Amino acid sequence: MKLNLEAKTKAQQLVKEYLENNASDALAEKINGGAKVVKDSKMLINKKTLDGFMKYATEEARKLAEKGANSACVEDEVVFGWAIHYFEEDEIVGTLYSEDGTEYKKQSSVTAKASKVNNAPTKPAQKPPLSMFDMLTNGDNSGISATQSQ
């Protein structure tokens, strides 16, 4: 069965071929048309891509890797199982679209972004310590003379 998935790499092409040969009719319909979901009280279409699957598979492989390892070896059957799961599972969100076909962007609420008011009292500015020259110019000589002794 032909699937509306764009394969950009050889790995993605292998996953696409597996899905085309093994996906049920219901799964193929979900991949090609997306799955209807309700989010923010709106009916949306959840469409998934092979790029999204590759990110998902990378995270799943990372979970299998030994601690401190930079890589993991995963058998083909396991990866293909992840592909079926990724495209079947409605809780895994791909790209959301409105029913008119435009990409859904969550509306940011104005009240949620209200600026935070700082109610902490401000400290009065401290005066820098006086230097000897400040004492001479203030008229408070306090016994200090600017004349040279001979």
C-alpha atoms as a PDB file:
ATOM      1  CA  MET A   1       0.000   0.000   0.000  1.00  0.00           C
ATOM      2  CA  LYS A   2       1.366   3.449  -0.947  1.00  0.00           C
ATOM      3  CA  LEU A   3       1.966   5.811   1.992  1.00  0.00           C
ATOM      4  CA  ASN A   4       2.183   9.613   1.933  1.00  0.00           C
ATOM      5  CA  LEU A   5       5.541   9.703   3.693  1.00  0.00           C
ATOM      6  CA  GLU A   6       8.626  11.508   2.426  1.00  0.00           C
ATOM      7  CA  ALA A   7      11.823   9.508   2.920  1.00  0.00           C
ATOM      8  CA  LYS A   8      14.871  11.787   3.021  1.00  0.00           C
ATOM      9  CA  THR A   9      17.490   9.171   3.936  1.00  0.00           C
ATOM     10  CA  LYS A  10      18.175   5.521   3.211  1.00  0.00           C
ATOM     11  CA  ALA A  11      17.129   4.610   6.770  1.00  0.00           C
ATOM     12  CA  GLN A  12      13.823   6.438   6.310  1.00  0.00           C
ATOM     13  CA  GLN A  13      13.317   4.673   2.962  1.00  0.00           C
ATOM     14  CA  LEU A  14      13.756   1.279   4.666  1.00  0.00           C
ATOM     15  CA  VAL A  15      11.187   2.177   7.335  1.00  0.00           C
ATOM     16  CA  LYS A  16       8.769   3.477   4.687  1.00  0.00           C
ATOM     17  CA  GLU A  17       9.096   0.263   2.644  1.00  0.00           C
ATOM     18  CA  TYR A  18       8.488  -1.820   5.767  1.00  0.00           C
ATOM     19  CA  LEU A  19       5.366   0.175   6.614  1.00  0.00           C
ATOM     20  CA  GLU A  20       4.059  -0.017   3.048  1.00  0.00           C
ATOM     21  CA  ASN A  21       4.443  -3.810   3.118  1.00  0.00           C
ATOM     22  CA  ASN A  22       3.165  -4.430   6.662  1.00  0.00           C
ATOM     23  CA  ALA A  23       0.786  -1.661   7.765  1.00  0.00           C
ATOM     24  CA  SER A  24      -2.873  -2.559   8.153  1.00  0.00           C
ATOM     25  CA  ASP A  25      -5.435  -0.650   6.118  1.00  0.00           C
ATOM     26  CA  ALA A  26      -6.456   1.283   9.242  1.00  0.00           C
ATOM     27  CA  LEU A  27      -2.839   2.271   9.969  1.00  0.00           C
ATOM     28  CA  ALA A  28      -2.224   3.254   6.340  1.00  0.00           C
ATOM     29  CA  GLU A  29      -5.304   5.477   6.469  1.00  0.00           C
ATOM     30  CA  LYS A  30      -4.044   7.069   9.687  1.00  0.00           C
ATOM     31  CA  ILE A  31      -0.596   7.682   8.166  1.00  0.00           C
ATOM     32  CA  ASN A  32      -1.985   9.123   4.925  1.00  0.00           C
ATOM     33  CA  GLY A  33      -4.789  11.227   6.373  1.00  0.00           C
ATOM     34  CA  GLY A  34      -3.660  11.871   9.923  1.00  0.00           C
ATOM     35  CA  ALA A  35      -5.595  11.125  13.088  1.00  0.00           C
ATOM     36  CA  LYS A  36      -8.267  13.428  14.457  1.00  0.00           C
ATOM     37  CA  VAL A  37      -7.524  14.695  17.943  1.00  0.00           C
ATOM     38  CA  VAL A  38      -9.061  17.309  20.219  1.00  0.00           C
ATOM     39  CA  LYS A  39      -6.678  19.867  21.680  1.00  0.00           C
ATOM     40  CA  ASP A  40      -7.576  23.168  23.327  1.00  0.00           C
ATOM     41  CA  SER A  41     -11.254  22.357  22.614  1.00  0.00           C
ATOM     42  CA  LYS A  42     -10.538  22.253  18.866  1.00  0.00           C
ATOM     43  CA  MET A  43     -10.707  19.359  16.413  1.00  0.00           C
ATOM     44  CA  LEU A  44      -7.247  18.968  14.865  1.00  0.00           C
ATOM     45  CA  ILE A  45      -5.482  16.514  12.587  1.00  0.00           C
ATOM     46  CA  ASN A  46      -2.309  14.883  13.931  1.00  0.00           C
ATOM     47  CA  LYS A  47       0.051  14.067  11.039  1.00  0.00           C
ATOM     48  CA  LYS A  48       3.315  12.247  11.615  1.00  0.00           C
ATOM     49  CA  THR A  49       6.430  12.155   9.449  1.00  0.00           C
ATOM     50  CA  LEU A  50       9.454   9.926   9.056  1.00  0.00           C
ATOM     51  CA  ASP A  51      11.582  12.759  10.489  1.00  0.00           C
ATOM     52  CA  GLY A  52       9.419  12.651  13.613  1.00  0.00           C
ATOM     53  CA  PHE A  53       9.753   8.880  13.754  1.00  0.00           C
ATOM     54  CA  MET A  54      13.552   9.079  13.513  1.00  0.00           C
ATOM     55  CA  LYS A  55      13.613  11.419  16.533  1.00  0.00           C
ATOM     56  CA  TYR A  56      11.315   9.025  18.391  1.00  0.00           C
ATOM     57  CA  ALA A  57      13.491   6.012  17.471  1.00  0.00           C
ATOM     58  CA  THR A  58      16.621   7.849  18.600  1.00  0.00           C
ATOM     59  CA  GLU A  59      15.063   8.482  22.019  1.00  0.00           C
ATOM     60  CA  GLU A  60      13.950   4.845  22.294  1.00  0.00           C
ATOM     61  CA  ALA A  61      17.458   3.640  21.374  1.00  0.00           C
ATOM     62  CA  ARG A  62      18.953   6.014  23.946  1.00  0.00           C
ATOM     63  CA  LYS A  63      16.798   4.322  26.601  1.00  0.00           C
ATOM     64  CA  LEU A  64      18.270   0.943  25.605  1.00  0.00           C
ATOM     65  CA  ALA A  65      21.884   2.140  25.581  1.00  0.00           C
ATOM     66  CA  GLU A  66      24.100   1.356  28.524  1.00  0.00           C
ATOM     67  CA  LYS A  67      24.799   4.228  30.872  1.00  0.00           C
ATOM     68  CA  GLY A  68      27.550   6.444  29.536  1.00  0.00           C
ATOM     69  CA  ALA A  69      27.358   4.907  26.042  1.00  0.00           C
ATOM     70  CA  ASN A  70      27.283   7.175  23.009  1.00  0.00           C
ATOM     71  CA  SER A  71      25.541   4.642  20.780  1.00  0.00           C
ATOM     72  CA  ALA A  72      23.345   1.559  20.800  1.00  0.00           C
ATOM     73  CA  CYS A  73      22.819  -1.349  18.422  1.00  0.00           C
ATOM     74  CA  VAL A  74      19.161  -2.080  17.779  1.00  0.00           C
ATOM     75  CA  GLU A  75      17.836  -4.926  15.649  1.00  0.00           C
ATOM     76  CA  ASP A  76      15.767  -4.093  12.571  1.00  0.00           C
ATOM     77  CA  GLU A  77      12.685  -5.844  13.939  1.00  0.00           C
ATOM     78  CA  VAL A  78      12.767  -3.656  17.044  1.00  0.00           C
ATOM     79  CA  VAL A  79      13.030  -0.453  14.992  1.00  0.00           C
ATOM     80  CA  PHE A  80      10.203  -1.589  12.704  1.00  0.00           C
ATOM     81  CA  GLY A  81       8.110  -2.324  15.800  1.00  0.00           C
ATOM     82  CA  TRP A  82       8.801   1.204  17.019  1.00  0.00           C
ATOM     83  CA  ALA A  83       7.647   2.517  13.626  1.00  0.00           C
ATOM     84  CA  ILE A  84       4.318   0.693  13.864  1.00  0.00           C
ATOM     85  CA  HIS A  85       3.872   1.938  17.446  1.00  0.00           C
ATOM     86  CA  TYR A  86       4.833   5.528  16.565  1.00  0.00           C
ATOM     87  CA  PHE A  87       2.320   5.812  13.747  1.00  0.00           C
ATOM     88  CA  GLU A  88      -0.467   3.897  15.575  1.00  0.00           C
ATOM     89  CA  GLU A  89      -0.289   5.646  18.948  1.00  0.00           C
ATOM     90  CA  ASP A  90      -2.532   8.724  19.159  1.00  0.00           C
ATOM     91  CA  GLU A  91      -0.770  10.016  22.279  1.00  0.00           C
ATOM     92  CA  ILE A  92       2.428  10.532  20.276  1.00  0.00           C
ATOM     93  CA  VAL A  93       1.924  13.937  18.682  1.00  0.00           C
ATOM     94  CA  GLY A  94       3.386  14.827  15.299  1.00  0.00           C
ATOM     95  CA  THR A  95       2.455  18.078  13.583  1.00  0.00           C
ATOM     96  CA  LEU A  96      -1.039  19.371  14.314  1.00  0.00           C
ATOM     97  CA  TYR A  97      -3.185  20.886  11.572  1.00  0.00           C
ATOM     98  CA  SER A  98      -6.537  22.654  11.663  1.00  0.00           C
ATOM     99  CA  GLU A  99      -9.327  21.057   9.669  1.00  0.00           C
ATOM    100  CA  ASP A 100      -8.750  23.666   6.931  1.00  0.00           C
ATOM    101  CA  GLY A 101      -5.219  22.289   6.431  1.00  0.00           C
ATOM    102  CA  THR A 102      -3.224  25.087   8.067  1.00  0.00           C
ATOM    103  CA  GLU A 103      -0.656  24.210  10.704  1.00  0.00           C
ATOM    104  CA  TYR A 104      -2.064  24.672  14.202  1.00  0.00           C
ATOM    105  CA  LYS A 105      -0.285  27.157  16.430  1.00  0.00           C
ATOM    106  CA  LYS A 106      -1.469  27.389  20.013  1.00  0.00           C
ATOM    107  CA  GLN A 107      -2.768  30.864  20.775  1.00  0.00           C
ATOM    108  CA  SER A 108      -0.761  32.439  23.553  1.00  0.00           C
ATOM    109  CA  SER A 109      -2.984  34.037  26.154  1.00  0.00           C
ATOM    110  CA  VAL A 110      -2.303  37.629  27.111  1.00  0.00           C
ATOM    111  CA  THR A 111      -2.975  36.994  30.787  1.00  0.00           C
ATOM    112  CA  ALA A 112      -0.437  34.183  30.923  1.00  0.00           C
ATOM    113  CA  LYS A 113       2.267  36.518  29.681  1.00  0.00           C
ATOM    114  CA  ALA A 114       1.499  39.402  32.041  1.00  0.00           C
ATOM    115  CA  SER A 115       4.685  40.978  33.237  1.00  0.00           C
ATOM    116  CA  LYS A 116       5.778  40.065  36.703  1.00  0.00           C
ATOM    117  CA  VAL A 117       5.587  42.956  39.149  1.00  0.00           C
ATOM    118  CA  ASN A 118       8.447  43.264  41.589  1.00  0.00           C
ATOM    119  CA  ASN A 119       7.035  44.272  44.985  1.00  0.00           C
ATOM    120  CA  ALA A 120      10.369  44.159  46.808  1.00  0.00           C
ATOM    121  CA  PRO A 121      11.275  47.483  48.424  1.00  0.00           C
ATOM    122  CA  THR A 122      14.184  49.244  46.812  1.00  0.00           C
ATOM    123  CA  LYS A 123      17.268  49.826  48.905  1.00  0.00           C
ATOM    124  CA  PRO A 124      18.419  53.426  49.204  1.00  0.00           C
ATOM    125  CA  ALA A 125      21.594  54.109  47.275  1.00  0.00           C
ATOM    126  CA  GLN A 126      24.625  54.040  49.508  1.00  0.00           C
ATOM    127  CA  LYS A 127      27.014  56.945  49.405  1.00  0.00           C
ATOM    128  CA  PRO A 128      30.572  56.021  48.526  1.00  0.00           C
ATOM    129  CA  PRO A 129      33.111  56.472  51.326  1.00  0.00           C
ATOM    130  CA  LEU A 130      34.753  59.877  51.529  1.00  0.00           C
ATOM    131  CA  SER A 131      38.303  60.276  50.314  1.00  0.00           C
ATOM    132  CA  MET A 132      40.827  62.642  51.865  1.00  0.00           C
ATOM    133  CA  PHE A 133      40.253  65.062  49.010  1.00  0.00           C
ATOM    134  CA  ASP A 134      36.511  65.088  49.716  1.00  0.00           C
ATOM    135  CA  MET A 135      37.217  66.063  53.320  1.00  0.00           C
ATOM    136  CA  LEU A 136      39.407  68.949  52.198  1.00  0.00           C
ATOM    137  CA  THR A 137      36.814  70.358  49.804  1.00  0.00           C
ATOM    138  CA  ASN A 138      33.902  70.023  52.222  1.00  0.00           C
ATOM    139  CA  GLY A 139      35.326  72.671  54.521  1.00  0.00           C
ATOM    140  CA  ASP A 140      35.664  70.133  57.301  1.00  0.00           C
ATOM    141  CA  ASN A 141      39.395  70.242  57.669  1.00  0.00           C
ATOM    142  CA  SER A 142      39.372  68.641  61.110  1.00  0.00           C
ATOM    143  CA  GLY A 143      42.950  69.567  61.665  1.00  0.00           C
ATOM    144  CA  ILE A 144      44.116  68.341  58.281  1.00  0.00           C
ATOM    145  CA  SER A 145      46.159  70.884  56.393  1.00  0.00           C
ATOM    146  CA  ALA A 146      46.926  70.832  52.686  1.00  0.00           C
ATOM    147  CA  THR A 147      50.060  72.917  53.144  1.00  0.00           C
ATOM    148  CA  GLN A 148      53.441  71.391  52.811  1.00  0.00           C
ATOM    149  CA  SER A 149      55.691  71.320  55.788  1.00  0.00           C
ATOM    150  CA  GLN A 150      59.175  72.637  55.279  1.00  0.00           C
END
